[in-house]
PDB file of N, CA and C in Angstrom:
ATOM      1  N   UNK A   1     -60.789 -10.268-104.013  1.00  0.00           N
ATOM      2  CA  UNK A   1     -61.911  -9.357-104.207  1.00  0.00           C
ATOM      3  C   UNK A   1     -62.764 -10.139-105.333  1.00  0.00           C
ATOM      4  N   UNK A   2     -63.932  -9.959-105.022  1.00  0.00           N
ATOM      5  CA  UNK A   2     -65.014 -10.663-105.785  1.00  0.00           C
ATOM      6  C   UNK A   2     -65.124  -9.672-107.140  1.00  0.00           C
ATOM      7  N   UNK A   3     -65.557 -10.544-108.198  1.00  0.00           N
ATOM      8  CA  UNK A   3     -65.661  -9.848-109.453  1.00  0.00           C
ATOM      9  C   UNK A   3     -66.916  -8.936-109.479  1.00  0.00           C
ATOM     10  N   UNK A   4     -67.772  -8.987-108.445  1.00  0.00           N
ATOM     11  CA  UNK A   4     -69.048  -8.249-108.628  1.00  0.00           C
ATOM     12  C   UNK A   4     -68.958  -7.024-107.737  1.00  0.00           C
ATOM     13  N   UNK A   5     -67.756  -6.626-107.214  1.00  0.00           N
ATOM     14  CA  UNK A   5     -67.489  -5.600-106.547  1.00  0.00           C
ATOM     15  C   UNK A   5     -67.428  -4.424-107.292  1.00  0.00           C
ATOM     16  N   UNK A   6     -67.895  -3.261-106.618  1.00  0.00           N
ATOM     17  CA  UNK A   6     -67.835  -1.882-107.722  1.00  0.00           C
ATOM     18  C   UNK A   6     -67.252  -0.878-106.503  1.00  0.00           C
ATOM     19  N   UNK A   7     -66.661   0.129-107.091  1.00  0.00           N
ATOM     20  CA  UNK A   7     -66.191   1.205-106.310  1.00  0.00           C
ATOM     21  C   UNK A   7     -67.555   1.845-105.635  1.00  0.00           C
ATOM     22  N   UNK A   8     -68.460   1.817-105.953  1.00  0.00           N
ATOM     23  CA  UNK A   8     -69.685   2.530-105.358  1.00  0.00           C
ATOM     24  C   UNK A   8     -70.262   1.694-104.472  1.00  0.00           C
ATOM     25  N   UNK A   9     -69.953   0.331-104.347  1.00  0.00           N
ATOM     26  CA  UNK A   9     -70.494  -0.526-103.444  1.00  0.00           C
ATOM     27  C   UNK A   9     -71.849  -1.001-103.937  1.00  0.00           C
ATOM     28  N   UNK A  10     -72.155  -0.827-105.042  1.00  0.00           N
ATOM     29  CA  UNK A  10     -73.688  -1.165-105.614  1.00  0.00           C
ATOM     30  C   UNK A  10     -73.744  -2.655-106.030  1.00  0.00           C
ATOM     31  N   UNK A  11     -72.702  -3.392-105.686  1.00  0.00           N
ATOM     32  CA  UNK A  11     -72.685  -4.927-105.961  1.00  0.00           C
ATOM     33  C   UNK A  11     -73.824  -5.626-105.128  1.00  0.00           C
ATOM     34  N   UNK A  12     -73.527  -6.629-104.538  1.00  0.00           N
ATOM     35  CA  UNK A  12     -74.263  -7.414-103.529  1.00  0.00           C
ATOM     36  C   UNK A  12     -74.648  -6.493-102.250  1.00  0.00           C
ATOM     37  N   UNK A  13     -75.779  -6.528-101.784  1.00  0.00           N
ATOM     38  CA  UNK A  13     -76.279  -5.505-100.560  1.00  0.00           C
ATOM     39  C   UNK A  13     -75.462  -6.023 -99.403  1.00  0.00           C
ATOM     40  N   UNK A  14     -74.992  -7.240 -99.405  1.00  0.00           N
ATOM     41  CA  UNK A  14     -74.128  -7.723 -98.128  1.00  0.00           C
ATOM     42  C   UNK A  14     -72.768  -7.308 -98.153  1.00  0.00           C
ATOM     43  N   UNK A  15     -72.313  -6.675 -99.207  1.00  0.00           N
ATOM     44  CA  UNK A  15     -70.925  -6.413 -99.353  1.00  0.00           C
ATOM     45  C   UNK A  15     -70.660  -5.008 -98.894  1.00  0.00           C
ATOM     46  N   UNK A  16     -69.428  -4.784 -98.274  1.00  0.00           N
ATOM     47  CA  UNK A  16     -69.017  -3.472 -97.902  1.00  0.00           C
ATOM     48  C   UNK A  16     -68.464  -2.584 -99.100  1.00  0.00           C
ATOM     49  N   UNK A  17     -68.661  -1.362 -99.146  1.00  0.00           N
ATOM     50  CA  UNK A  17     -67.960  -0.668-100.294  1.00  0.00           C
ATOM     51  C   UNK A  17     -66.459  -0.816-100.409  1.00  0.00           C
ATOM     52  N   UNK A  18     -66.007  -0.921-101.631  1.00  0.00           N
ATOM     53  CA  UNK A  18     -64.485  -1.134-101.781  1.00  0.00           C
ATOM     54  C   UNK A  18     -63.865   0.305-101.499  1.00  0.00           C
ATOM     55  N   UNK A  19     -62.636   0.198-100.872  1.00  0.00           N
ATOM     56  CA  UNK A  19     -62.025   1.341-100.575  1.00  0.00           C
ATOM     57  C   UNK A  19     -61.354   1.693-101.895  1.00  0.00           C
ATOM     58  N   UNK A  20     -61.238   2.921-102.020  1.00  0.00           N
ATOM     59  CA  UNK A  20     -60.672   3.675-103.275  1.00  0.00           C
ATOM     60  C   UNK A  20     -59.272   4.075-102.968  1.00  0.00           C
ATOM     61  N   UNK A  21     -58.186   3.549-103.507  1.00  0.00           N
ATOM     62  CA  UNK A  21     -56.837   4.128-103.176  1.00  0.00           C
ATOM     63  C   UNK A  21     -56.581   5.407-103.766  1.00  0.00           C
ATOM     64  N   UNK A  22     -57.473   6.058-104.413  1.00  0.00           N
ATOM     65  CA  UNK A  22     -57.202   7.258-105.113  1.00  0.00           C
ATOM     66  C   UNK A  22     -58.058   8.467-104.336  1.00  0.00           C
ATOM     67  N   UNK A  23     -58.791   8.063-103.413  1.00  0.00           N
ATOM     68  CA  UNK A  23     -59.540   9.100-102.696  1.00  0.00           C
ATOM     69  C   UNK A  23     -58.680   9.617-101.481  1.00  0.00           C
ATOM     70  N   UNK A  24     -58.875  10.763-100.944  1.00  0.00           N
ATOM     71  CA  UNK A  24     -58.046  11.331 -99.870  1.00  0.00           C
ATOM     72  C   UNK A  24     -58.079  10.486 -98.608  1.00  0.00           C
ATOM     73  N   UNK A  25     -59.247  10.047 -98.269  1.00  0.00           N
ATOM     74  CA  UNK A  25     -59.413   9.438 -97.002  1.00  0.00           C
ATOM     75  C   UNK A  25     -58.787   8.004 -96.995  1.00  0.00           C
ATOM     76  N   UNK A  26     -58.594   7.359 -98.201  1.00  0.00           N
ATOM     77  CA  UNK A  26     -58.179   6.098 -98.272  1.00  0.00           C
ATOM     78  C   UNK A  26     -57.004   5.921 -99.139  1.00  0.00           C
ATOM     79  N   UNK A  27     -56.253   7.035 -99.466  1.00  0.00           N
ATOM     80  CA  UNK A  27     -55.134   7.036-100.336  1.00  0.00           C
ATOM     81  C   UNK A  27     -54.148   6.165-100.007  1.00  0.00           C
ATOM     82  N   UNK A  28     -53.628   5.365-101.024  1.00  0.00           N
ATOM     83  CA  UNK A  28     -52.530   4.241-100.735  1.00  0.00           C
ATOM     84  C   UNK A  28     -51.869   4.033-102.008  1.00  0.00           C
ATOM     85  N   UNK A  29     -50.757   4.507-102.072  1.00  0.00           N
ATOM     86  CA  UNK A  29     -49.932   4.561-103.313  1.00  0.00           C
ATOM     87  C   UNK A  29     -49.633   2.900-103.589  1.00  0.00           C
ATOM     88  N   UNK A  30     -49.247   2.122-102.695  1.00  0.00           N
ATOM     89  CA  UNK A  30     -49.071   0.742-103.010  1.00  0.00           C
ATOM     90  C   UNK A  30     -50.178   0.127-103.736  1.00  0.00           C
ATOM     91  N   UNK A  31     -51.345   0.359-103.085  1.00  0.00           N
ATOM     92  CA  UNK A  31     -52.526  -0.184-103.598  1.00  0.00           C
ATOM     93  C   UNK A  31     -52.867   0.418-105.243  1.00  0.00           C
ATOM     94  N   UNK A  32     -52.559   1.661-105.351  1.00  0.00           N
ATOM     95  CA  UNK A  32     -52.766   2.284-106.650  1.00  0.00           C
ATOM     96  C   UNK A  32     -51.871   1.631-107.633  1.00  0.00           C
ATOM     97  N   UNK A  33     -50.363   1.306-107.257  1.00  0.00           N
ATOM     98  CA  UNK A  33     -49.635   0.609-108.171  1.00  0.00           C
ATOM     99  C   UNK A  33     -49.987  -0.797-108.465  1.00  0.00           C
ATOM    100  N   UNK A  34     -50.391  -1.515-107.629  1.00  0.00           N
ATOM    101  CA  UNK A  34     -50.980  -2.783-107.613  1.00  0.00           C
ATOM    102  C   UNK A  34     -52.025  -2.869-108.650  1.00  0.00           C
ATOM    103  N   UNK A  35     -52.958  -1.963-108.418  1.00  0.00           N
ATOM    104  CA  UNK A  35     -54.139  -1.883-109.369  1.00  0.00           C
ATOM    105  C   UNK A  35     -53.796  -1.675-110.876  1.00  0.00           C
ATOM    106  N   UNK A  36     -52.893  -0.582-110.895  1.00  0.00           N
ATOM    107  CA  UNK A  36     -52.468  -0.259-112.176  1.00  0.00           C
ATOM    108  C   UNK A  36     -51.673  -1.422-112.915  1.00  0.00           C
ATOM    109  N   UNK A  37     -51.053  -2.318-112.260  1.00  0.00           N
ATOM    110  CA  UNK A  37     -50.267  -3.441-112.779  1.00  0.00           C
ATOM    111  C   UNK A  37     -51.411  -4.502-113.217  1.00  0.00           C
ATOM    112  N   UNK A  38     -52.195  -4.873-112.136  1.00  0.00           N
ATOM    113  CA  UNK A  38     -52.941  -5.951-112.199  1.00  0.00           C
ATOM    114  C   UNK A  38     -54.482  -5.734-113.049  1.00  0.00           C
ATOM    115  N   UNK A  39     -54.922  -4.563-112.958  1.00  0.00           N
ATOM    116  CA  UNK A  39     -56.172  -4.231-113.369  1.00  0.00           C
ATOM    117  C   UNK A  39     -56.308  -2.707-113.929  1.00  0.00           C
ATOM    118  N   UNK A  40     -55.609  -2.365-115.027  1.00  0.00           N
ATOM    119  CA  UNK A  40     -55.470  -0.969-115.438  1.00  0.00           C
ATOM    120  C   UNK A  40     -56.780  -0.346-115.699  1.00  0.00           C
ATOM    121  N   UNK A  41     -57.901  -1.085-116.195  1.00  0.00           N
ATOM    122  CA  UNK A  41     -59.092  -0.307-116.429  1.00  0.00           C
ATOM    123  C   UNK A  41     -59.875  -0.080-115.120  1.00  0.00           C
ATOM    124  N   UNK A  42     -59.720  -0.912-114.130  1.00  0.00           N
ATOM    125  CA  UNK A  42     -60.329  -0.571-112.794  1.00  0.00           C
ATOM    126  C   UNK A  42     -59.584   0.535-112.223  1.00  0.00           C
ATOM    127  N   UNK A  43     -58.262   0.571-112.394  1.00  0.00           N
ATOM    128  CA  UNK A  43     -57.520   1.652-111.662  1.00  0.00           C
ATOM    129  C   UNK A  43     -57.943   3.088-112.259  1.00  0.00           C
ATOM    130  N   UNK A  44     -58.107   3.085-113.632  1.00  0.00           N
ATOM    131  CA  UNK A  44     -58.502   4.240-114.328  1.00  0.00           C
ATOM    132  C   UNK A  44     -59.979   4.718-113.764  1.00  0.00           C
ATOM    133  N   UNK A  45     -60.874   3.678-113.552  1.00  0.00           N
ATOM    134  CA  UNK A  45     -62.125   3.962-113.221  1.00  0.00           C
ATOM    135  C   UNK A  45     -62.157   4.664-111.900  1.00  0.00           C
ATOM    136  N   UNK A  46     -61.550   3.913-110.874  1.00  0.00           N
ATOM    137  CA  UNK A  46     -61.458   4.518-109.530  1.00  0.00           C
ATOM    138  C   UNK A  46     -60.834   5.777-109.531  1.00  0.00           C
ATOM    139  N   UNK A  47     -59.854   6.067-110.344  1.00  0.00           N
ATOM    140  CA  UNK A  47     -59.045   7.457-110.203  1.00  0.00           C
ATOM    141  C   UNK A  47     -60.125   8.464-110.672  1.00  0.00           C
ATOM    142  N   UNK A  48     -60.775   8.012-111.893  1.00  0.00           N
ATOM    143  CA  UNK A  48     -61.863   8.982-112.334  1.00  0.00           C
ATOM    144  C   UNK A  48     -62.817   9.315-111.362  1.00  0.00           C
ATOM    145  N   UNK A  49     -63.478   8.330-110.669  1.00  0.00           N
ATOM    146  CA  UNK A  49     -64.434   8.334-109.537  1.00  0.00           C
ATOM    147  C   UNK A  49     -64.082   9.437-108.531  1.00  0.00           C
ATOM    148  N   UNK A  50     -62.745   9.243-108.117  1.00  0.00           N
ATOM    149  CA  UNK A  50     -62.251  10.248-107.044  1.00  0.00           C
ATOM    150  C   UNK A  50     -62.290  11.473-107.507  1.00  0.00           C
ATOM    151  N   UNK A  51     -61.889  11.692-108.847  1.00  0.00           N
ATOM    152  CA  UNK A  51     -61.741  12.965-109.465  1.00  0.00           C
ATOM    153  C   UNK A  51     -62.922  13.727-109.604  1.00  0.00           C
ATOM    154  N   UNK A  52     -64.028  13.052-109.975  1.00  0.00           N
ATOM    155  CA  UNK A  52     -65.450  13.513-110.055  1.00  0.00           C
ATOM    156  C   UNK A  52     -65.922  13.949-108.714  1.00  0.00           C
ATOM    157  N   UNK A  53     -65.832  13.068-107.808  1.00  0.00           N
ATOM    158  CA  UNK A  53     -66.132  13.434-106.400  1.00  0.00           C
ATOM    159  C   UNK A  53     -65.517  14.514-105.651  1.00  0.00           C
ATOM    160  N   UNK A  54     -64.344  14.992-106.291  1.00  0.00           N
ATOM    161  CA  UNK A  54     -63.543  16.007-105.738  1.00  0.00           C
ATOM    162  C   UNK A  54     -62.699  15.504-104.505  1.00  0.00           C
ATOM    163  N   UNK A  55     -62.492  14.162-104.466  1.00  0.00           N
ATOM    164  CA  UNK A  55     -61.702  13.639-103.522  1.00  0.00           C
ATOM    165  C   UNK A  55     -60.449  12.922-103.981  1.00  0.00           C
ATOM    166  N   UNK A  56     -59.955  13.298-105.138  1.00  0.00           N
ATOM    167  CA  UNK A  56     -58.797  12.834-105.520  1.00  0.00           C
ATOM    168  C   UNK A  56     -57.580  13.523-104.629  1.00  0.00           C
ATOM    169  N   UNK A  57     -56.606  12.552-104.377  1.00  0.00           N
ATOM    170  CA  UNK A  57     -55.720  12.969-103.362  1.00  0.00           C
ATOM    171  C   UNK A  57     -54.289  12.461-103.826  1.00  0.00           C
ATOM    172  N   UNK A  58     -53.226  12.993-103.092  1.00  0.00           N
ATOM    173  CA  UNK A  58     -51.958  12.779-103.579  1.00  0.00           C
ATOM    174  C   UNK A  58     -50.960  13.296-102.588  1.00  0.00           C
ATOM    175  N   UNK A  59     -49.773  12.954-102.705  1.00  0.00           N
ATOM    176  CA  UNK A  59     -48.850  13.661-101.763  1.00  0.00           C
ATOM    177  C   UNK A  59     -48.842  15.126-102.020  1.00  0.00           C
ATOM    178  N   UNK A  60     -48.702  15.977-101.051  1.00  0.00           N
ATOM    179  CA  UNK A  60     -48.635  17.488-101.251  1.00  0.00           C
ATOM    180  C   UNK A  60     -47.177  17.759-101.633  1.00  0.00           C
ATOM    181  N   UNK A  61     -46.972  17.873-102.911  1.00  0.00           N
ATOM    182  CA  UNK A  61     -45.744  18.299-103.433  1.00  0.00           C
ATOM    183  C   UNK A  61     -45.692  19.591-104.026  1.00  0.00           C
ATOM    184  N   UNK A  62     -44.817  20.377-103.629  1.00  0.00           N
ATOM    185  CA  UNK A  62     -44.709  21.757-104.003  1.00  0.00           C
ATOM    186  C   UNK A  62     -43.080  22.134-104.121  1.00  0.00           C
ATOM    187  N   UNK A  63     -42.891  23.334-104.322  1.00  0.00           N
ATOM    188  CA  UNK A  63     -41.600  23.902-104.376  1.00  0.00           C
ATOM    189  C   UNK A  63     -41.309  24.344-102.958  1.00  0.00           C
ATOM    190  N   UNK A  64     -40.092  24.181-102.795  1.00  0.00           N
ATOM    191  CA  UNK A  64     -39.550  24.443-101.382  1.00  0.00           C
ATOM    192  C   UNK A  64     -39.160  25.928-101.478  1.00  0.00           C
ATOM    193  N   UNK A  65     -39.434  26.619-100.508  1.00  0.00           N
ATOM    194  CA  UNK A  65     -38.968  28.034-100.308  1.00  0.00           C
ATOM    195  C   UNK A  65     -37.612  28.074 -99.575  1.00  0.00           C
ATOM    196  N   UNK A  66     -36.672  28.686-100.319  1.00  0.00           N
ATOM    197  CA  UNK A  66     -35.351  28.906 -99.722  1.00  0.00           C
ATOM    198  C   UNK A  66     -35.120  30.427 -99.478  1.00  0.00           C
ATOM    199  N   UNK A  67     -34.947  30.651 -98.260  1.00  0.00           N
ATOM    200  CA  UNK A  67     -34.862  32.135 -97.954  1.00  0.00           C
ATOM    201  C   UNK A  67     -33.422  32.311 -97.625  1.00  0.00           C
TER     202      UNK A  67
END
C-alpha cells in the first residue's frame, strides 16, 4: 500500500478508495488483526471512521436461547 492512501480515498485522484476492514460491507477480521499489528494508529482511525459512518460491523454474537 502506498503511504499517501487514505481511508476516504482523498489521496491521488488515480487511486481507488481503500477498503476498510471495519465496515460492514468489507468486514475482514484477518485484515483488522494485521492492521492492529502493523499500523495501530491506522487501525484505530479506520475503526473510528466506520463507527462515525454507522457502518461498523462485526460478528453477530448474542446469547443463545435454550428452550
